PDB file of N, CA and C in Angstrom:
ATOM      1  N   UNK A   1     -10.653 -14.055  14.647  1.00  0.00           N
ATOM      2  CA  UNK A   1     -11.279 -12.739  14.597  1.00  0.00           C
ATOM      3  C   UNK A   1     -12.680 -12.881  13.998  1.00  0.00           C
ATOM      4  N   UNK A   2     -13.598 -12.123  14.524  1.00  0.00           N
ATOM      5  CA  UNK A   2     -14.978 -12.158  14.030  1.00  0.00           C
ATOM      6  C   UNK A   2     -15.047 -11.629  12.610  1.00  0.00           C
ATOM      7  N   UNK A   3     -16.078 -12.014  11.915  1.00  0.00           N
ATOM      8  CA  UNK A   3     -16.273 -11.566  10.535  1.00  0.00           C
ATOM      9  C   UNK A   3     -16.841 -10.147  10.529  1.00  0.00           C
ATOM     10  N   UNK A   4     -16.218  -9.293   9.737  1.00  0.00           N
ATOM     11  CA  UNK A   4     -16.694  -7.918   9.623  1.00  0.00           C
ATOM     12  C   UNK A   4     -17.960  -7.862   8.778  1.00  0.00           C
ATOM     13  N   UNK A   5     -18.892  -7.033   9.191  1.00  0.00           N
ATOM     14  CA  UNK A   5     -20.120  -6.789   8.426  1.00  0.00           C
ATOM     15  C   UNK A   5     -20.030  -5.357   7.892  1.00  0.00           C
ATOM     16  N   UNK A   6     -19.612  -5.239   6.637  1.00  0.00           N
ATOM     17  CA  UNK A   6     -19.384  -3.935   6.038  1.00  0.00           C
ATOM     18  C   UNK A   6     -20.686  -3.293   5.573  1.00  0.00           C
ATOM     19  N   UNK A   7     -20.755  -1.979   5.761  1.00  0.00           N
ATOM     20  CA  UNK A   7     -21.895  -1.183   5.314  1.00  0.00           C
ATOM     21  C   UNK A   7     -21.387  -0.112   4.364  1.00  0.00           C
ATOM     22  N   UNK A   8     -22.132   0.084   3.291  1.00  0.00           N
ATOM     23  CA  UNK A   8     -21.781   1.118   2.323  1.00  0.00           C
ATOM     24  C   UNK A   8     -22.504   2.402   2.696  1.00  0.00           C
ATOM     25  N   UNK A   9     -21.823   3.506   2.530  1.00  0.00           N
ATOM     26  CA  UNK A   9     -22.395   4.813   2.845  1.00  0.00           C
ATOM     27  C   UNK A   9     -23.621   5.098   1.994  1.00  0.00           C
ATOM     28  N   UNK A  10     -24.580   5.794   2.569  1.00  0.00           N
ATOM     29  CA  UNK A  10     -25.749   6.226   1.796  1.00  0.00           C
ATOM     30  C   UNK A  10     -25.355   7.300   0.788  1.00  0.00           C
ATOM     31  N   UNK A  11     -24.150   7.848   0.911  1.00  0.00           N
ATOM     32  CA  UNK A  11     -23.634   8.844  -0.029  1.00  0.00           C
ATOM     33  C   UNK A  11     -22.913   8.191  -1.205  1.00  0.00           C
ATOM     34  N   UNK A  12     -22.892   6.864  -1.246  1.00  0.00           N
ATOM     35  CA  UNK A  12     -22.206   6.144  -2.317  1.00  0.00           C
ATOM     36  C   UNK A  12     -22.781   6.510  -3.674  1.00  0.00           C
ATOM     37  N   UNK A  13     -21.908   6.574  -4.669  1.00  0.00           N
ATOM     38  CA  UNK A  13     -22.365   6.870  -6.030  1.00  0.00           C
ATOM     39  C   UNK A  13     -23.022   5.639  -6.637  1.00  0.00           C
ATOM     40  N   UNK A  14     -23.759   5.847  -7.696  1.00  0.00           N
ATOM     41  CA  UNK A  14     -24.431   4.738  -8.374  1.00  0.00           C
ATOM     42  C   UNK A  14     -23.433   3.724  -8.907  1.00  0.00           C
ATOM     43  N   UNK A  15     -22.233   4.175  -9.250  1.00  0.00           N
ATOM     44  CA  UNK A  15     -21.217   3.264  -9.769  1.00  0.00           C
ATOM     45  C   UNK A  15     -20.523   2.483  -8.651  1.00  0.00           C
ATOM     46  N   UNK A  16     -20.872   2.768  -7.386  1.00  0.00           N
ATOM     47  CA  UNK A  16     -20.343   2.009  -6.266  1.00  0.00           C
ATOM     48  C   UNK A  16     -18.991   2.456  -5.775  1.00  0.00           C
ATOM     49  N   UNK A  17     -18.550   3.625  -6.197  1.00  0.00           N
ATOM     50  CA  UNK A  17     -17.241   4.127  -5.758  1.00  0.00           C
ATOM     51  C   UNK A  17     -17.366   4.717  -4.361  1.00  0.00           C
ATOM     52  N   UNK A  18     -16.970   3.928  -3.384  1.00  0.00           N
ATOM     53  CA  UNK A  18     -17.188   4.317  -1.998  1.00  0.00           C
ATOM     54  C   UNK A  18     -16.276   3.504  -1.101  1.00  0.00           C
ATOM     55  N   UNK A  19     -16.167   3.941   0.123  1.00  0.00           N
ATOM     56  CA  UNK A  19     -15.551   3.106   1.144  1.00  0.00           C
ATOM     57  C   UNK A  19     -16.665   2.463   1.950  1.00  0.00           C
ATOM     58  N   UNK A  20     -16.373   1.300   2.459  1.00  0.00           N
ATOM     59  CA  UNK A  20     -17.312   0.588   3.313  1.00  0.00           C
ATOM     60  C   UNK A  20     -16.690   0.473   4.699  1.00  0.00           C
ATOM     61  N   UNK A  21     -17.535   0.566   5.712  1.00  0.00           N
ATOM     62  CA  UNK A  21     -17.091   0.573   7.099  1.00  0.00           C
ATOM     63  C   UNK A  21     -17.762  -0.568   7.852  1.00  0.00           C
ATOM     64  N   UNK A  22     -16.986  -1.223   8.709  1.00  0.00           N
ATOM     65  CA  UNK A  22     -17.535  -2.254   9.596  1.00  0.00           C
ATOM     66  C   UNK A  22     -17.228  -1.850  11.027  1.00  0.00           C
ATOM     67  N   UNK A  23     -18.276  -1.786  11.841  1.00  0.00           N
ATOM     68  CA  UNK A  23     -18.111  -1.424  13.255  1.00  0.00           C
ATOM     69  C   UNK A  23     -18.672  -2.501  14.182  1.00  0.00           C
ATOM     70  N   UNK A  24     -18.914  -3.679  13.646  1.00  0.00           N
ATOM     71  CA  UNK A  24     -19.556  -4.734  14.427  1.00  0.00           C
ATOM     72  C   UNK A  24     -18.592  -5.533  15.303  1.00  0.00           C
ATOM     73  N   UNK A  25     -17.288  -5.333  15.155  1.00  0.00           N
ATOM     74  CA  UNK A  25     -16.307  -6.051  15.968  1.00  0.00           C
ATOM     75  C   UNK A  25     -15.785  -5.097  17.041  1.00  0.00           C
ATOM     76  N   UNK A  26     -15.826  -5.493  18.309  1.00  0.00           N
ATOM     77  CA  UNK A  26     -15.375  -4.598  19.381  1.00  0.00           C
ATOM     78  C   UNK A  26     -13.921  -4.152  19.192  1.00  0.00           C
ATOM     79  N   UNK A  27     -13.668  -2.901  19.529  1.00  0.00           N
ATOM     80  CA  UNK A  27     -12.325  -2.324  19.563  1.00  0.00           C
ATOM     81  C   UNK A  27     -11.656  -2.142  18.203  1.00  0.00           C
ATOM     82  N   UNK A  28     -12.399  -2.273  17.111  1.00  0.00           N
ATOM     83  CA  UNK A  28     -11.794  -2.057  15.791  1.00  0.00           C
ATOM     84  C   UNK A  28     -12.851  -1.553  14.809  1.00  0.00           C
ATOM     85  N   UNK A  29     -12.439  -0.631  13.968  1.00  0.00           N
ATOM     86  CA  UNK A  29     -13.251  -0.190  12.838  1.00  0.00           C
ATOM     87  C   UNK A  29     -12.487  -0.624  11.589  1.00  0.00           C
ATOM     88  N   UNK A  30     -13.132  -1.368  10.719  1.00  0.00           N
ATOM     89  CA  UNK A  30     -12.504  -1.844   9.493  1.00  0.00           C
ATOM     90  C   UNK A  30     -13.024  -1.009   8.327  1.00  0.00           C
ATOM     91  N   UNK A  31     -12.123  -0.660   7.431  1.00  0.00           N
ATOM     92  CA  UNK A  31     -12.453   0.190   6.286  1.00  0.00           C
ATOM     93  C   UNK A  31     -11.915  -0.505   5.033  1.00  0.00           C
ATOM     94  N   UNK A  32     -12.733  -0.539   3.979  1.00  0.00           N
ATOM     95  CA  UNK A  32     -12.272  -1.129   2.721  1.00  0.00           C
ATOM     96  C   UNK A  32     -12.853  -0.370   1.537  1.00  0.00           C
ATOM     97  N   UNK A  33     -12.268  -0.598   0.387  1.00  0.00           N
ATOM     98  CA  UNK A  33     -12.718  -0.011  -0.873  1.00  0.00           C
ATOM     99  C   UNK A  33     -13.864  -0.854  -1.412  1.00  0.00           C
ATOM    100  N   UNK A  34     -15.002  -0.240  -1.685  1.00  0.00           N
ATOM    101  CA  UNK A  34     -16.162  -1.005  -2.149  1.00  0.00           C
ATOM    102  C   UNK A  34     -15.927  -1.651  -3.510  1.00  0.00           C
ATOM    103  N   UNK A  35     -14.990  -1.127  -4.287  1.00  0.00           N
ATOM    104  CA  UNK A  35     -14.694  -1.711  -5.595  1.00  0.00           C
ATOM    105  C   UNK A  35     -13.838  -2.968  -5.468  1.00  0.00           C
ATOM    106  N   UNK A  36     -13.275  -3.195  -4.293  1.00  0.00           N
ATOM    107  CA  UNK A  36     -12.392  -4.339  -4.088  1.00  0.00           C
ATOM    108  C   UNK A  36     -12.704  -5.012  -2.752  1.00  0.00           C
ATOM    109  N   UNK A  37     -13.894  -5.608  -2.631  1.00  0.00           N
ATOM    110  CA  UNK A  37     -14.302  -6.171  -1.341  1.00  0.00           C
ATOM    111  C   UNK A  37     -13.406  -7.302  -0.832  1.00  0.00           C
ATOM    112  N   UNK A  38     -12.689  -7.965  -1.709  1.00  0.00           N
ATOM    113  CA  UNK A  38     -11.788  -9.022  -1.243  1.00  0.00           C
ATOM    114  C   UNK A  38     -10.365  -8.498  -1.054  1.00  0.00           C
ATOM    115  N   UNK A  39     -10.176  -7.209  -1.278  1.00  0.00           N
ATOM    116  CA  UNK A  39      -8.865  -6.596  -1.111  1.00  0.00           C
ATOM    117  C   UNK A  39      -8.552  -6.313   0.340  1.00  0.00           C
ATOM    118  N   UNK A  40      -7.500  -5.548   0.576  1.00  0.00           N
ATOM    119  CA  UNK A  40      -7.064  -5.273   1.948  1.00  0.00           C
ATOM    120  C   UNK A  40      -8.049  -4.381   2.695  1.00  0.00           C
ATOM    121  N   UNK A  41      -7.985  -4.469   4.012  1.00  0.00           N
ATOM    122  CA  UNK A  41      -8.792  -3.600   4.869  1.00  0.00           C
ATOM    123  C   UNK A  41      -7.861  -2.834   5.800  1.00  0.00           C
ATOM    124  N   UNK A  42      -8.272  -1.647   6.123  1.00  0.00           N
ATOM    125  CA  UNK A  42      -7.559  -0.818   7.085  1.00  0.00           C
ATOM    126  C   UNK A  42      -8.282  -0.953   8.413  1.00  0.00           C
ATOM    127  N   UNK A  43      -7.538  -1.233   9.476  1.00  0.00           N
ATOM    128  CA  UNK A  43      -8.131  -1.368  10.807  1.00  0.00           C
ATOM    129  C   UNK A  43      -7.642  -0.223  11.679  1.00  0.00           C
ATOM    130  N   UNK A  44      -8.579   0.490  12.293  1.00  0.00           N
ATOM    131  CA  UNK A  44      -8.249   1.586  13.200  1.00  0.00           C
ATOM    132  C   UNK A  44      -9.071   1.429  14.475  1.00  0.00           C
ATOM    133  N   UNK A  45      -8.647   2.127  15.508  1.00  0.00           N
ATOM    134  CA  UNK A  45      -9.407   2.089  16.764  1.00  0.00           C
ATOM    135  C   UNK A  45     -10.674   2.933  16.608  1.00  0.00           C
ATOM    136  N   UNK A  46     -11.698   2.631  17.387  1.00  0.00           N
ATOM    137  CA  UNK A  46     -12.896   3.468  17.348  1.00  0.00           C
ATOM    138  C   UNK A  46     -12.584   4.940  17.645  1.00  0.00           C
ATOM    139  N   UNK A  47     -11.645   5.208  18.559  1.00  0.00           N
ATOM    140  CA  UNK A  47     -11.286   6.598  18.877  1.00  0.00           C
ATOM    141  C   UNK A  47     -10.655   7.290  17.671  1.00  0.00           C
ATOM    142  N   UNK A  48      -9.812   6.574  16.944  1.00  0.00           N
ATOM    143  CA  UNK A  48      -9.198   7.150  15.742  1.00  0.00           C
ATOM    144  C   UNK A  48     -10.254   7.426  14.685  1.00  0.00           C
ATOM    145  N   UNK A  49     -11.232   6.540  14.561  1.00  0.00           N
ATOM    146  CA  UNK A  49     -12.298   6.724  13.578  1.00  0.00           C
ATOM    147  C   UNK A  49     -13.139   7.962  13.929  1.00  0.00           C
ATOM    148  N   UNK A  50     -13.468   8.126  15.191  1.00  0.00           N
ATOM    149  CA  UNK A  50     -14.237   9.298  15.629  1.00  0.00           C
ATOM    150  C   UNK A  50     -13.441  10.574  15.373  1.00  0.00           C
ATOM    151  N   UNK A  51     -12.142  10.552  15.668  1.00  0.00           N
ATOM    152  CA  UNK A  51     -11.300  11.724  15.429  1.00  0.00           C
ATOM    153  C   UNK A  51     -11.241  12.062  13.938  1.00  0.00           C
ATOM    154  N   UNK A  52     -11.158  11.041  13.099  1.00  0.00           N
ATOM    155  CA  UNK A  52     -11.150  11.246  11.651  1.00  0.00           C
ATOM    156  C   UNK A  52     -12.456  11.886  11.194  1.00  0.00           C
ATOM    157  N   UNK A  53     -13.577  11.339  11.644  1.00  0.00           N
ATOM    158  CA  UNK A  53     -14.882  11.893  11.263  1.00  0.00           C
ATOM    159  C   UNK A  53     -15.026  13.340  11.733  1.00  0.00           C
ATOM    160  N   UNK A  54     -14.555  13.632  12.939  1.00  0.00           N
ATOM    161  CA  UNK A  54     -14.628  14.991  13.467  1.00  0.00           C
ATOM    162  C   UNK A  54     -13.782  15.939  12.626  1.00  0.00           C
ATOM    163  N   UNK A  55     -12.584  15.511  12.266  1.00  0.00           N
ATOM    164  CA  UNK A  55     -11.704  16.347  11.453  1.00  0.00           C
ATOM    165  C   UNK A  55     -12.335  16.639  10.088  1.00  0.00           C
ATOM    166  N   UNK A  56     -12.982  15.654   9.511  1.00  0.00           N
ATOM    167  CA  UNK A  56     -13.653  15.855   8.219  1.00  0.00           C
ATOM    168  C   UNK A  56     -14.818  16.820   8.387  1.00  0.00           C
ATOM    169  N   UNK A  57     -15.626  16.619   9.408  1.00  0.00           N
ATOM    170  CA  UNK A  57     -16.793  17.483   9.636  1.00  0.00           C
ATOM    171  C   UNK A  57     -16.378  18.930   9.926  1.00  0.00           C
ATOM    172  N   UNK A  58     -15.261  19.082  10.661  1.00  0.00           N
ATOM    173  CA  UNK A  58     -14.774  20.414  10.994  1.00  0.00           C
ATOM    174  C   UNK A  58     -14.055  21.083   9.832  1.00  0.00           C
ATOM    175  N   UNK A  59     -13.670  20.271   8.857  1.00  0.00           N
ATOM    176  CA  UNK A  59     -12.919  20.805   7.725  1.00  0.00           C
ATOM    177  C   UNK A  59     -11.460  21.050   8.034  1.00  0.00           C
ATOM    178  N   UNK A  60     -11.000  20.565   9.185  1.00  0.00           N
ATOM    179  CA  UNK A  60      -9.617  20.819   9.568  1.00  0.00           C
ATOM    180  C   UNK A  60      -8.638  19.860   8.890  1.00  0.00           C
ATOM    181  N   UNK A  61      -9.099  18.652   8.592  1.00  0.00           N
ATOM    182  CA  UNK A  61      -8.218  17.666   7.980  1.00  0.00           C
ATOM    183  C   UNK A  61      -7.146  17.156   8.919  1.00  0.00           C
ATOM    184  N   UNK A  62      -7.192  17.541  10.192  1.00  0.00           N
ATOM    185  CA  UNK A  62      -6.191  17.131  11.156  1.00  0.00           C
ATOM    186  C   UNK A  62      -6.828  16.206  12.178  1.00  0.00           C
ATOM    187  N   UNK A  63      -6.592  14.899  12.040  1.00  0.00           N
ATOM    188  CA  UNK A  63      -7.215  13.919  12.919  1.00  0.00           C
ATOM    189  C   UNK A  63      -6.273  13.450  14.011  1.00  0.00           C
ATOM    190  N   UNK A  64      -5.306  14.253  14.394  1.00  0.00           N
ATOM    191  CA  UNK A  64      -4.368  13.830  15.434  1.00  0.00           C
ATOM    192  C   UNK A  64      -4.907  14.169  16.805  1.00  0.00           C
TER     193      UNK A  64
END
């Protein structure tokens, strides 16, 4: 598997409490906790990631 290139949100706090996202590998979005970069990562499909972002933006909280 290719190496993920994680990016931290521009909304990250100064203390670094944030999630980091990698979208550089085809067909997968990787998500990790910025406080634990060597910890586990969550892998979702790009479609699931878009649905999640839409649900957050809409305020519905329902990404199904």
